[in-house]
């Protein structure tokens, strides 16, 4: 039953689940007539299971078919069930939407010379229209020879106005369904999913604990063997300094593992809000081939991947098992599906190739993307959509596209003109907002309907990385002008903090600076050097610096289990497990 819900939004999942529970209960009680009535009502429901697209399509279909009475009945139903219980702000929007739909009905009839339908419409809605000053001029439209040229009505005959009306109606019902009070029965599904998540979390911790115990047992046995060897060396008067050092080293390893175990078990799920320091508990290096261009940790942190300039992609699991495959050009970006079964590989030749982890093979490929270099990808949190930013070879032009995974349909989300290629973008927690940083130094914010909500000039030169803060009130940005800011999403032309960066020639960096969010108050900055700068959003200077023996070319962080993966220019992938120590303010 659960699998059938995976492609539905959260509310639809809850409704489907509750319908199943109610049917199951009625069947248990032997209420067969009630089951039949439930099925009939489900098939004839006016809410279409709260699927906004179907509902809006039905409304516009009724207008196209001149069904004024049916449209009136449908709106009266929503008025009785939902609208009467709304606050004043949404009630005002309700009146605006219904008035606009009435105007579109009249315009549609006039455009197709259905004048009798206009008269019928006036008879049905006369009472409400005469009480609305905004609608009074529309009674005269039948007596105007060319109403599409009349300045009072001309705007309503344009296709753009109709498209805007449809989009506004969809946004209105989306907002309505998100905010209406819901019956307590719908909580069953969310509670069920929380229970499943907790059970999976417990299973993960049990597996980690078992692996830790096995590793401790192995190291203890090694120490025992080394002590026996040391004893035999003493008897034979051989130097034992080296052996004692090895024993000491192994003892330290056990202490570190035990500390790690305690940290993982006691680790709270909430993100720290104090001044934090990041301590590397464990650092493991993996050998790749070619310079690492991209790296990514799966959401469940069971797998991590890195892609290189020679087209090789390597995947590790449990710090040991390795899989490798190759694509036909340098791997610019990587993204895991939410369940960790598929890895999306953005190439340098207009392609996204999708690797199936279970079958260990390339499953399919999205070809003919607008520009050659797939610079960044993100999976939508609740919909089966992948967003991909593609760039020209000069990075000056680019495009942001959404690809529906079910059928591979590509939708040009927004294409940028010359000198506005998108280097970086980020989604908020539910995928309703998309923030982009471009070659022109401008930050742009879009919604899921491809509508640009806001933009502002953030940098004098190219923006290389943007990230939405965890509280979703701000945006971090860094550019080749050597500047890094925290911007307010509320007052977008004002920055809340400017951060001090090292004095480098940013234009000469090959892959440019990048940001990854670590906690609510902290983020990592990669400047393609041997150091990772760690900043607190409330302080202009770095609070900590991590050093490595290689130049870091890319990075990714997991907030869940506190992993950081760094790719290097020497073909090495470095996995770090870190703890966060909070200092009281």
Protein backbone atom coordinates (compact mmCIF):
# COMPACT_ATOMS: atom_id res chain seq x y z
CA UNK A 1 0.00 0.00 0.00
CA UNK A 2 2.80 2.42 0.84
CA UNK A 3 4.41 2.22 -2.59
CA UNK A 4 1.32 3.65 -4.31
CA UNK A 5 1.69 6.86 -2.29
CA UNK A 6 5.26 7.77 -3.20
CA UNK A 7 4.39 10.02 -6.15
CA UNK A 8 1.66 12.00 -4.32
CA UNK A 9 2.13 15.21 -2.30
CA UNK A 10 1.83 14.93 1.50
CA UNK A 11 -1.89 15.84 1.72
CA UNK A 12 -2.83 13.37 -1.02
CA UNK A 13 -0.86 10.65 0.74
CA UNK A 14 -2.71 11.31 4.00
CA UNK A 15 -6.09 11.24 2.24
CA UNK A 16 -5.33 7.99 0.44
CA UNK A 17 -4.10 6.40 3.65
CA UNK A 18 -7.16 7.52 5.65
CA UNK A 19 -9.55 6.35 2.90
CA UNK A 20 -7.89 2.96 3.14
CA UNK A 21 -8.27 2.90 6.96
CA UNK A 22 -11.95 3.90 6.78
CA UNK A 23 -12.70 1.26 4.12
CA UNK A 24 -10.83 -1.33 6.17
CA UNK A 25 -12.90 -0.47 9.27
CA UNK A 26 -16.24 -0.52 7.40
CA UNK A 27 -15.38 -3.89 5.91
CA UNK A 28 -14.46 -5.22 9.37
CA UNK A 29 -17.86 -4.07 10.71
CA UNK A 30 -19.69 -5.51 7.70
CA UNK A 31 -21.02 -2.12 6.53
CA UNK A 32 -21.07 -3.03 2.83
CA UNK A 33 -23.60 -0.34 1.89
CA UNK A 34 -21.47 2.28 3.61
CA UNK A 35 -18.43 1.09 1.64
CA UNK A 36 -20.37 1.44 -1.61
CA UNK A 37 -21.54 4.93 -0.64
CA UNK A 38 -17.98 5.91 0.24
CA UNK A 39 -16.69 4.71 -3.15
CA UNK A 40 -19.49 6.57 -4.97
CA UNK A 41 -18.76 9.80 -3.07
CA UNK A 42 -15.03 9.43 -3.75
CA UNK A 43 -15.70 9.11 -7.49
CA UNK A 44 -17.99 12.16 -7.48
CA UNK A 45 -16.05 14.40 -5.12
CA UNK A 46 -15.80 18.04 -6.13
CA UNK A 47 -12.44 18.48 -4.43
CA UNK A 48 -10.63 15.94 -6.67
CA UNK A 49 -8.73 14.69 -3.60
CA UNK A 50 -7.40 18.25 -3.23
CA UNK A 51 -5.43 17.99 -6.46
CA UNK A 52 -5.28 21.63 -7.49
CA UNK A 53 -4.50 21.05 -11.17
CA UNK A 54 -7.59 18.85 -11.68
CA UNK A 55 -9.80 21.30 -9.80
CA UNK A 56 -8.63 24.35 -11.74
CA UNK A 57 -8.87 22.45 -15.04
CA UNK A 58 -12.49 21.59 -14.23
CA UNK A 59 -13.34 25.24 -13.50
CA UNK A 60 -11.84 26.46 -16.75
CA UNK A 61 -13.51 23.59 -18.62
CA UNK A 62 -16.90 24.68 -17.25
CA UNK A 63 -16.18 28.22 -18.45
CA UNK A 64 -15.14 26.97 -21.90
CA UNK A 65 -18.36 24.91 -22.13
CA UNK A 66 -20.53 27.86 -20.98
CA UNK A 67 -21.75 25.92 -17.93
CA UNK A 68 -22.62 28.89 -15.71
CA UNK A 69 -24.96 26.93 -13.43
CA UNK A 70 -22.41 24.16 -12.86
CA UNK A 71 -19.72 26.77 -12.13
CA UNK A 72 -22.06 28.47 -9.64
CA UNK A 73 -22.81 25.14 -7.90
CA UNK A 74 -19.13 24.28 -7.67
CA UNK A 75 -18.19 27.64 -6.17
CA UNK A 76 -21.16 27.52 -3.74
CA UNK A 77 -19.92 24.13 -2.56
CA UNK A 78 -16.44 25.50 -1.79
CA UNK A 79 -17.98 28.58 -0.19
CA UNK A 80 -20.05 26.44 2.15
CA UNK A 81 -17.30 23.93 3.02
CA UNK A 82 -14.18 26.14 3.10
CA UNK A 83 -14.52 29.85 2.33
CA UNK A 84 -16.89 30.74 5.18
CA UNK A 85 -14.31 29.55 7.71
CA UNK A 86 -11.40 31.61 6.38
CA UNK A 87 -9.89 34.74 7.86
CA UNK A 88 -10.56 38.16 6.30
CA UNK A 89 -7.31 38.28 4.33
CA UNK A 90 -8.04 35.07 2.41
CA UNK A 91 -11.74 36.04 2.09
CA UNK A 92 -10.71 39.17 0.17
CA UNK A 93 -8.62 37.01 -2.16
CA UNK A 94 -11.60 34.66 -2.60
CA UNK A 95 -13.79 37.54 -3.83
CA UNK A 96 -11.06 38.68 -6.25
CA UNK A 97 -10.69 35.20 -7.74
CA UNK A 98 -14.44 34.61 -8.24
CA UNK A 99 -14.87 38.09 -9.81
CA UNK A 100 -11.99 37.36 -12.20
CA UNK A 101 -13.52 34.00 -13.14
CA UNK A 102 -16.85 35.76 -13.84
CA UNK A 103 -15.07 38.26 -16.08
CA UNK A 104 -13.34 35.45 -17.95
CA UNK A 105 -16.69 33.65 -18.43
CA UNK A 106 -18.20 36.80 -20.00
CA UNK A 107 -15.12 37.40 -22.17
CA UNK A 108 -15.12 33.79 -23.36
CA UNK A 109 -18.79 34.04 -24.36
CA UNK A 110 -18.29 37.38 -26.15
CA UNK A 111 -15.21 36.05 -27.99
CA UNK A 112 -17.28 33.14 -29.36
CA UNK A 113 -20.39 35.28 -29.95
CA UNK A 114 -22.43 33.37 -27.37
CA UNK A 115 -24.47 36.41 -26.39
CA UNK A 116 -27.38 34.31 -25.11
CA UNK A 117 -24.98 32.66 -22.66
CA UNK A 118 -23.96 36.10 -21.37
CA UNK A 119 -27.62 36.94 -20.70
CA UNK A 120 -28.09 33.61 -18.94
CA UNK A 121 -24.97 34.33 -16.87
CA UNK A 122 -26.30 37.75 -15.83
CA UNK A 123 -29.59 36.17 -14.71
CA UNK A 124 -27.75 33.66 -12.50
CA UNK A 125 -25.26 36.08 -10.93
CA UNK A 126 -27.27 39.33 -11.05
CA UNK A 127 -27.81 39.54 -7.29
CA UNK A 128 -24.12 39.25 -6.38
CA UNK A 129 -22.84 41.32 -9.31
CA UNK A 130 -25.13 44.32 -8.58
CA UNK A 131 -23.75 44.40 -5.04
CA UNK A 132 -20.16 44.52 -6.33
CA UNK A 133 -19.13 47.93 -7.76
CA UNK A 134 -16.25 46.30 -9.65
CA UNK A 135 -18.70 44.18 -11.69
CA UNK A 136 -21.34 46.84 -12.50
CA UNK A 137 -19.66 48.08 -15.76
CA UNK A 138 -19.80 44.54 -17.15
CA UNK A 139 -23.59 44.74 -17.59
CA UNK A 140 -22.96 47.16 -20.46
CA UNK A 141 -20.64 44.88 -22.42
CA UNK A 142 -23.43 43.47 -24.59
CA UNK A 143 -24.18 46.98 -25.89
CA UNK A 144 -20.61 47.81 -26.92
CA UNK A 145 -19.76 47.09 -30.55
CA UNK A 146 -16.11 46.06 -30.07
CA UNK A 147 -15.59 45.43 -26.34
CA UNK A 148 -12.12 43.98 -26.96
CA UNK A 149 -11.02 47.49 -27.98
CA UNK A 150 -12.74 49.28 -25.12
CA UNK A 151 -10.12 50.45 -22.57
CA UNK A 152 -12.30 49.15 -19.71
CA UNK A 153 -12.32 45.57 -21.06
CA UNK A 154 -9.45 45.20 -23.56
CA UNK A 155 -6.94 43.79 -21.06
CA UNK A 156 -9.29 40.89 -20.25
CA UNK A 157 -9.29 39.68 -23.86
CA UNK A 158 -5.53 39.02 -23.87
CA UNK A 159 -4.12 35.50 -23.60
CA UNK A 160 -1.59 36.69 -21.02
CA UNK A 161 -4.38 37.78 -18.66
CA UNK A 162 -6.05 34.37 -18.95
CA UNK A 163 -2.76 32.58 -18.20
CA UNK A 164 -2.17 34.84 -15.20
CA UNK A 165 -5.71 34.14 -13.95
CA UNK A 166 -5.17 30.39 -14.18
CA UNK A 167 -1.87 30.66 -12.30
CA UNK A 168 -3.43 32.90 -9.62
CA UNK A 169 -6.34 30.48 -9.18
CA UNK A 170 -3.91 27.58 -8.77
CA UNK A 171 -1.86 29.52 -6.21
CA UNK A 172 -5.03 30.46 -4.35
CA UNK A 173 -6.21 26.85 -3.98
CA UNK A 174 -2.71 25.68 -3.10
CA UNK A 175 -2.63 28.22 -0.29
CA UNK A 176 -6.18 27.33 0.74
CA UNK A 177 -5.52 23.59 1.01
CA UNK A 178 -2.29 24.18 2.91
CA UNK A 179 -4.00 26.33 5.56
CA UNK A 180 -7.46 24.83 6.06
CA UNK A 181 -8.02 23.04 9.38
CA UNK A 182 -7.68 19.30 8.82
CA UNK A 183 -9.56 16.48 10.58
CA UNK A 184 -7.59 14.64 13.22
CA UNK A 185 -7.91 11.41 11.26
CA UNK A 186 -5.41 12.77 8.71
CA UNK A 187 -2.77 12.78 11.46
CA UNK A 188 -2.67 9.00 11.32
CA UNK A 189 -0.53 9.04 8.19
CA UNK A 190 2.02 11.57 9.50
CA UNK A 191 2.27 9.65 12.78
CA UNK A 192 2.72 6.43 10.85
CA UNK A 193 5.52 7.95 8.77
CA UNK A 194 7.22 9.36 11.90
CA UNK A 195 7.09 5.90 13.44
CA UNK A 196 8.66 4.41 10.30
CA UNK A 197 11.40 7.04 10.31
CA UNK A 198 12.19 6.39 13.98
CA UNK A 199 12.32 2.64 13.38
CA UNK A 200 14.72 3.16 10.48
CA UNK A 201 16.83 5.48 12.65
CA UNK A 202 16.97 2.89 15.43
CA UNK A 203 17.96 0.20 12.93
CA UNK A 204 20.73 2.44 11.57
CA UNK A 205 22.11 3.06 15.08
CA UNK A 206 21.95 -0.65 15.89
CA UNK A 207 23.92 -1.45 12.74
CA UNK A 208 26.50 1.21 13.61
CA UNK A 209 26.80 -0.06 17.16
CA UNK A 210 27.27 -3.61 15.91
CA UNK A 211 29.96 -2.49 13.47
CA UNK A 212 31.67 -0.50 16.24
CA UNK A 213 31.64 -3.47 18.62
CA UNK A 214 33.14 -5.70 15.92
CA UNK A 215 35.87 -3.16 15.22
CA UNK A 216 36.69 -2.81 18.93
CA UNK A 217 36.88 -6.61 19.30
CA UNK A 218 39.20 -6.81 16.30
CA UNK A 219 41.50 -4.09 17.66
CA UNK A 220 41.54 -5.62 21.12
CA UNK A 221 42.62 -8.91 19.59
CA UNK A 222 45.35 -7.08 17.67
CA UNK A 223 46.58 -5.49 20.89
CA UNK A 224 46.60 -8.85 22.62
CA UNK A 225 48.68 -10.33 19.78
CA UNK A 226 51.06 -7.37 19.83
CA UNK A 227 51.55 -7.69 23.60
CA UNK A 228 52.44 -11.35 23.17
CA UNK A 229 54.89 -10.37 20.45
CA UNK A 230 56.37 -7.68 22.69
CA UNK A 231 56.80 -10.21 25.49
CA UNK A 232 58.62 -12.59 23.18
CA UNK A 233 60.89 -9.72 22.03
CA UNK A 234 61.75 -8.87 25.62
CA UNK A 235 62.72 -12.43 26.25
CA UNK A 236 64.99 -12.41 23.22
CA UNK A 237 66.44 -8.96 24.22
CA UNK A 238 65.16 -7.39 20.95
CA UNK A 239 64.22 -3.67 20.74
CA UNK A 240 60.57 -3.24 21.57
CA UNK A 241 60.05 0.50 21.13
CA UNK A 242 58.32 0.12 17.76
CA UNK A 243 55.96 -2.58 19.05
CA UNK A 244 55.04 -0.54 22.13
CA UNK A 245 54.28 2.44 19.89
CA UNK A 246 51.97 0.26 17.79
CA UNK A 247 50.18 -0.92 20.95
CA UNK A 248 49.76 2.66 22.12
CA UNK A 249 48.43 3.66 18.71
CA UNK A 250 45.88 0.82 18.72
CA UNK A 251 44.76 1.77 22.23
CA UNK A 252 44.19 5.33 21.06
CA UNK A 253 42.13 4.03 18.12
CA UNK A 254 39.85 2.15 20.54
CA UNK A 255 39.41 5.26 22.66
CA UNK A 256 38.47 7.31 19.59
CA UNK A 257 35.95 4.68 18.44
CA UNK A 258 34.38 4.50 21.90
CA UNK A 259 34.13 8.31 21.99
CA UNK A 260 32.56 8.30 18.53
CA UNK A 261 30.00 5.72 19.66
CA UNK A 262 29.07 7.79 22.72
CA UNK A 263 28.70 10.92 20.57
CA UNK A 264 26.46 9.16 18.02
CA UNK A 265 24.19 7.66 20.69
CA UNK A 266 23.84 10.87 22.71
CA UNK A 267 23.65 13.13 19.64
CA UNK A 268 20.44 15.17 19.61
CA UNK A 269 18.52 15.67 16.40
CA UNK A 270 18.14 19.45 16.77
CA UNK A 271 20.80 21.66 15.23
CA UNK A 272 22.99 23.52 17.73
CA UNK A 273 22.41 27.25 18.05
CA UNK A 274 25.45 28.28 20.06
CA UNK A 275 29.06 28.94 19.10
CA UNK A 276 30.31 25.66 17.68
CA UNK A 277 33.65 24.05 16.94
CA UNK A 278 34.04 21.13 14.55
CA UNK A 279 36.32 18.29 15.64
CA UNK A 280 37.31 15.65 13.09
CA UNK A 281 36.79 12.27 14.77
CA UNK A 282 37.82 10.21 11.78
CA UNK A 283 39.40 11.01 8.40
CA UNK A 284 39.61 8.41 5.63
CA UNK A 285 41.21 8.87 2.21
CA UNK A 286 40.08 7.02 -0.90
CA UNK A 287 42.03 6.86 -4.14
CA UNK A 288 40.22 8.02 -7.26
CA UNK A 289 41.55 8.83 -10.72
CA UNK A 290 41.85 12.27 -12.25
CA UNK A 291 41.06 15.52 -10.50
CA UNK A 292 37.81 15.33 -8.49
CA UNK A 293 35.21 17.76 -9.89
CA UNK A 294 32.16 16.75 -7.83
CA UNK A 295 31.21 14.74 -4.73
CA UNK A 296 27.91 13.93 -3.02
CA UNK A 297 26.64 12.11 0.10
CA UNK A 298 23.30 10.28 -0.13
CA UNK A 299 20.46 11.45 2.13
CA UNK A 300 20.65 8.33 4.29
CA UNK A 301 24.47 8.73 4.42
CA UNK A 302 24.87 5.06 3.45
CA UNK A 303 26.67 5.92 0.21
CA UNK A 304 28.88 8.68 -1.05
CA UNK A 305 30.15 9.32 -4.55
CA UNK A 306 32.80 11.33 -6.36
CA UNK A 307 33.24 12.15 -10.05
CA UNK A 308 36.46 13.11 -11.80
CA UNK A 309 37.77 14.90 -14.84
CA UNK A 310 38.38 11.61 -16.70
CA UNK A 311 34.69 10.63 -16.44
CA UNK A 312 35.15 8.09 -13.64
CA UNK A 313 32.54 7.88 -10.88
CA UNK A 314 33.24 5.92 -7.69
CA UNK A 315 30.72 4.97 -5.01
CA UNK A 316 31.60 3.78 -1.51
CA UNK A 317 29.47 2.15 1.16
CA UNK A 318 30.32 1.36 4.78
CA UNK A 319 33.78 2.86 4.22
CA UNK A 320 34.97 -0.20 2.32
CA UNK A 321 32.80 -1.50 -0.52
CA UNK A 322 33.55 0.26 -3.81
CA UNK A 323 31.77 0.43 -7.14
CA UNK A 324 33.01 2.21 -10.19
CA UNK A 325 31.63 3.16 -13.57
CA UNK A 326 32.53 5.60 -16.29
CA UNK A 327 30.64 8.20 -18.31
CA UNK A 328 31.77 9.71 -21.57
CA UNK A 329 32.97 13.13 -20.33
CA UNK A 330 34.12 14.94 -17.14
CA UNK A 331 31.60 14.66 -14.28
CA UNK A 332 30.63 18.23 -13.34
CA UNK A 333 27.91 17.47 -10.75
CA UNK A 334 26.31 14.60 -8.83
CA UNK A 335 22.97 14.15 -7.07
CA UNK A 336 21.43 11.16 -5.23
CA UNK A 337 17.76 10.24 -5.39
CA UNK A 338 15.98 10.49 -2.05
CA UNK A 339 16.07 6.72 -1.46
CA UNK A 340 19.73 6.45 -2.47
CA UNK A 341 19.01 3.94 -5.27
CA UNK A 342 19.90 6.24 -8.17
CA UNK A 343 22.85 8.56 -8.79
CA UNK A 344 22.44 11.42 -11.30
CA UNK A 345 25.68 12.31 -13.08
CA UNK A 346 25.90 15.70 -14.79
CA UNK A 347 28.43 15.57 -17.63
CA UNK A 348 30.16 18.06 -19.90
CA UNK A 349 28.39 17.03 -23.13
CA UNK A 350 24.71 18.02 -22.74
CA UNK A 351 23.80 14.87 -20.73
CA UNK A 352 22.60 13.66 -17.34
CA UNK A 353 23.26 9.94 -16.95
CA UNK A 354 21.39 8.02 -14.22
CA UNK A 355 23.15 5.09 -12.53
CA UNK A 356 21.11 2.33 -10.87
CA UNK A 357 22.85 1.30 -7.63
CA UNK A 358 21.10 -2.07 -7.32
CA UNK A 359 21.76 -3.13 -10.92
CA UNK A 360 25.18 -1.44 -11.01
CA UNK A 361 24.54 -0.02 -14.47
CA UNK A 362 23.51 3.14 -16.30
CA UNK A 363 19.71 3.04 -16.31
CA UNK A 364 18.96 5.86 -18.76
CA UNK A 365 20.20 9.24 -19.92
CA UNK A 366 18.66 12.69 -20.33
CA UNK A 367 20.20 14.06 -23.52
CA UNK A 368 20.20 17.28 -25.52
CA UNK A 369 20.26 19.67 -22.58
CA UNK A 370 20.43 23.36 -23.66
CA UNK A 371 24.11 23.87 -22.73
CA UNK A 372 27.01 21.39 -22.43
CA UNK A 373 28.16 21.66 -18.79
CA UNK A 374 25.73 20.44 -16.11
CA UNK A 375 27.04 22.63 -13.29
CA UNK A 376 24.54 21.70 -10.54
CA UNK A 377 21.56 19.41 -9.87
CA UNK A 378 18.93 19.12 -7.12
CA UNK A 379 16.09 16.64 -6.56
CA UNK A 380 12.75 18.20 -5.56
CA UNK A 381 11.97 17.24 -1.92
CA UNK A 382 8.42 15.98 -2.59
CA UNK A 383 7.97 15.69 -6.36
CA UNK A 384 9.62 13.38 -8.88
CA UNK A 385 11.55 16.22 -10.52
CA UNK A 386 15.25 16.94 -10.94
CA UNK A 387 16.43 20.51 -11.53
CA UNK A 388 19.58 20.96 -13.59
CA UNK A 389 21.66 24.07 -14.25
CA UNK A 390 23.59 23.95 -17.52
CA UNK A 391 26.32 26.33 -18.70
CA UNK A 392 28.06 27.23 -21.93
CA UNK A 393 31.78 26.47 -22.20
CA UNK A 394 32.51 30.11 -21.31
CA UNK A 395 30.11 30.00 -18.30
CA UNK A 396 28.53 33.23 -19.52
CA UNK A 397 25.23 31.76 -20.75
CA UNK A 398 23.11 29.06 -19.20
CA UNK A 399 19.77 27.57 -18.37
CA UNK A 400 17.83 26.08 -15.44
CA UNK A 401 15.62 23.16 -16.46
CA UNK A 402 13.27 20.84 -14.61
CA UNK A 403 13.04 17.21 -15.73
CA UNK A 404 10.06 15.04 -14.77
CA UNK A 405 11.57 11.68 -13.82
CA UNK A 406 8.45 9.68 -14.60
CA UNK A 407 8.58 10.27 -18.35
CA UNK A 408 11.74 12.33 -18.90
CA UNK A 409 9.83 15.45 -19.96
CA UNK A 410 12.10 18.50 -19.89
CA UNK A 411 10.67 21.88 -18.98
CA UNK A 412 12.68 25.01 -19.54
CA UNK A 413 12.31 26.56 -16.11
CA UNK A 414 14.19 29.74 -16.91
CA UNK A 415 16.77 30.41 -19.57
CA UNK A 416 19.22 33.20 -18.98
CA UNK A 417 20.49 35.61 -21.60
CA UNK A 418 24.10 36.39 -22.41
CA UNK A 419 26.29 37.00 -19.35
CA UNK A 420 23.70 35.56 -16.92
CA UNK A 421 24.62 31.87 -16.79
CA UNK A 422 23.61 30.12 -13.55
CA UNK A 423 26.62 28.82 -11.61
CA UNK A 424 24.73 27.76 -8.50
CA UNK A 425 21.17 27.34 -7.21
CA UNK A 426 19.44 26.05 -4.08
CA UNK A 427 15.94 24.90 -3.06
CA UNK A 428 14.15 25.59 0.19
CA UNK A 429 12.88 22.71 2.38
CA UNK A 430 9.73 21.98 0.35
CA UNK A 431 10.98 23.01 -3.07
CA UNK A 432 8.59 25.96 -3.40
CA UNK A 433 11.42 28.51 -3.82
CA UNK A 434 14.50 28.37 -6.02
CA UNK A 435 17.41 30.79 -5.50
CA UNK A 436 19.99 31.21 -8.27
CA UNK A 437 23.36 32.95 -8.50
CA UNK A 438 24.54 34.04 -11.93
CA UNK A 439 27.45 35.23 -14.01
CA UNK A 440 26.04 38.77 -13.88
CA UNK A 441 26.31 38.95 -10.06
CA UNK A 442 22.52 38.92 -9.63
CA UNK A 443 20.58 36.72 -7.17
CA UNK A 444 17.18 35.67 -8.51
CA UNK A 445 14.34 33.95 -6.63
CA UNK A 446 11.71 31.86 -8.47
CA UNK A 447 8.65 29.90 -7.43
CA UNK A 448 7.60 26.50 -8.83
CA UNK A 449 5.42 28.17 -11.46
CA UNK A 450 8.52 29.57 -13.19
CA UNK A 451 7.68 33.03 -11.91
CA UNK A 452 10.53 35.31 -10.85
CA UNK A 453 9.58 36.68 -7.43
CA UNK A 454 12.53 38.97 -6.82
CA UNK A 455 16.08 39.78 -7.87
CA UNK A 456 18.89 42.05 -6.73
CA UNK A 457 22.47 42.90 -7.63
CA UNK A 458 24.50 41.07 -4.98
CA UNK A 459 28.05 41.13 -6.41
CA UNK A 460 30.04 43.24 -8.83
CA UNK A 461 31.33 40.11 -10.55
CA UNK A 462 30.29 36.50 -11.10
CA UNK A 463 28.46 34.69 -8.23
CA UNK A 464 29.92 31.21 -7.75
CA UNK A 465 27.76 29.79 -4.94
CA UNK A 466 24.43 30.51 -3.22
CA UNK A 467 22.84 28.68 -0.26
CA UNK A 468 19.57 29.22 1.61
CA UNK A 469 20.05 29.28 5.39
CA UNK A 470 18.39 26.54 7.45
CA UNK A 471 15.82 28.97 8.91
CA UNK A 472 15.06 30.05 5.28
CA UNK A 473 15.18 33.76 6.13
CA UNK A 474 18.49 34.45 4.39
CA UNK A 475 20.76 33.60 1.47
CA UNK A 476 24.55 33.20 1.60
CA UNK A 477 26.44 34.20 -1.53
CA UNK A 478 30.11 34.33 -2.57
CA UNK A 479 31.60 35.69 -5.78
CA UNK A 480 34.82 36.25 -7.68
CA UNK A 481 34.77 39.87 -6.54
CA UNK A 482 36.23 38.50 -3.29
CA UNK A 483 33.04 39.25 -1.36
CA UNK A 484 30.78 37.00 0.70
CA UNK A 485 27.43 38.13 2.16
CA UNK A 486 24.44 36.94 4.17
CA UNK A 487 21.37 38.50 2.51
CA UNK A 488 17.87 38.87 3.96
CA UNK A 489 15.10 37.21 1.92
CA UNK A 490 12.68 39.68 3.48
CA UNK A 491 14.64 42.85 2.64
CA UNK A 492 16.58 41.44 -0.28
CA UNK A 493 18.56 44.57 -1.08
CA UNK A 494 20.12 44.59 2.38
CA UNK A 495 22.84 42.27 3.57
CA UNK A 496 22.84 41.17 7.19
CA UNK A 497 26.54 40.30 7.36
CA UNK A 498 29.64 40.74 5.21
CA UNK A 499 32.37 38.17 5.75
CA UNK A 500 36.11 38.73 5.44
CA UNK A 501 37.83 36.53 2.85
CA UNK A 502 41.54 35.84 2.30
CA UNK A 503 43.29 38.09 -0.20
CA UNK A 504 43.27 35.81 -3.27
CA UNK A 505 43.00 36.27 -7.02
CA UNK A 506 39.54 34.71 -7.33
CA UNK A 507 39.49 35.09 -11.12
CA UNK A 508 42.33 32.56 -11.35
CA UNK A 509 40.59 29.81 -9.36
CA UNK A 510 39.47 27.02 -11.71
CA UNK A 511 36.19 25.97 -10.03
CA UNK A 512 35.57 29.08 -7.89
CA UNK A 513 34.57 29.41 -4.18
CA UNK A 514 31.68 27.30 -2.86
CA UNK A 515 29.54 27.24 0.30
CA UNK A 516 27.95 24.34 2.20
CA UNK A 517 25.65 24.78 5.20
CA UNK A 518 26.85 22.89 8.31
CA UNK A 519 24.42 23.96 11.06
CA UNK A 520 21.89 26.70 11.67
CA UNK A 521 24.71 29.08 12.59
CA UNK A 522 27.72 27.74 10.67
CA UNK A 523 28.84 27.07 7.12
CA UNK A 524 31.93 25.78 5.31
CA UNK A 525 33.72 27.79 2.60
CA UNK A 526 35.97 26.11 0.04
CA UNK A 527 38.44 28.45 -1.68
CA UNK A 528 40.21 25.69 -3.67
CA UNK A 529 43.18 25.72 -1.34
CA UNK A 530 44.49 23.34 1.29
CA UNK A 531 42.15 24.89 3.85
CA UNK A 532 38.42 24.77 4.57
CA UNK A 533 37.23 27.98 6.22
CA UNK A 534 34.42 27.63 8.79
CA UNK A 535 32.28 30.70 9.50
CA UNK A 536 29.59 31.61 12.00
CA UNK A 537 26.84 33.65 10.31
CA UNK A 538 27.07 36.25 13.08
CA UNK A 539 30.83 36.83 12.75
CA UNK A 540 32.78 38.33 9.89
CA UNK A 541 36.00 36.35 10.44
CA UNK A 542 36.44 32.55 10.15
CA UNK A 543 35.93 30.82 13.50
CA UNK A 544 37.92 27.70 12.50
CA UNK A 545 40.15 26.42 9.69
CA UNK A 546 40.58 22.77 8.66
CA UNK A 547 43.85 21.99 6.89
CA UNK A 548 44.65 19.19 4.43
CA UNK A 549 47.71 18.10 2.45
CA UNK A 550 45.88 18.57 -0.88
CA UNK A 551 43.99 21.31 -2.68
CA UNK A 552 40.24 20.85 -2.03
CA UNK A 553 38.35 21.09 -5.32
CA UNK A 554 34.78 20.28 -4.15
CA UNK A 555 32.83 19.36 -1.02
CA UNK A 556 29.51 18.15 0.38
CA UNK A 557 28.12 17.91 3.94
CA UNK A 558 25.52 15.71 5.62
CA UNK A 559 23.72 17.42 8.51
CA UNK A 560 22.16 14.15 9.73
CA UNK A 561 25.20 12.05 10.67
CA UNK A 562 27.78 14.85 10.41
CA UNK A 563 29.84 13.65 7.50
CA UNK A 564 31.88 15.89 5.23
CA UNK A 565 33.33 14.70 1.93
CA UNK A 566 36.08 16.62 0.12
CA UNK A 567 37.36 16.00 -3.40
CA UNK A 568 40.94 16.99 -4.25
CA UNK A 569 42.90 17.92 -7.33
CA UNK A 570 45.20 14.91 -6.78
CA UNK A 571 42.51 12.27 -7.31
CA UNK A 572 41.80 11.61 -3.63
CA UNK A 573 38.41 11.64 -1.92
CA UNK A 574 38.50 12.45 1.80
CA UNK A 575 35.64 11.37 4.08
CA UNK A 576 35.47 13.15 7.45
CA UNK A 577 33.29 12.23 10.41
CA UNK A 578 33.09 15.22 12.75
CA UNK A 579 31.57 16.10 16.10
CA UNK A 580 30.22 19.52 17.06
CA UNK A 581 31.22 20.95 20.40
CA UNK A 582 29.04 23.84 21.51
CA UNK A 583 30.33 26.68 23.66
CA UNK A 584 27.81 28.50 25.79
CA UNK A 585 27.33 32.13 24.91
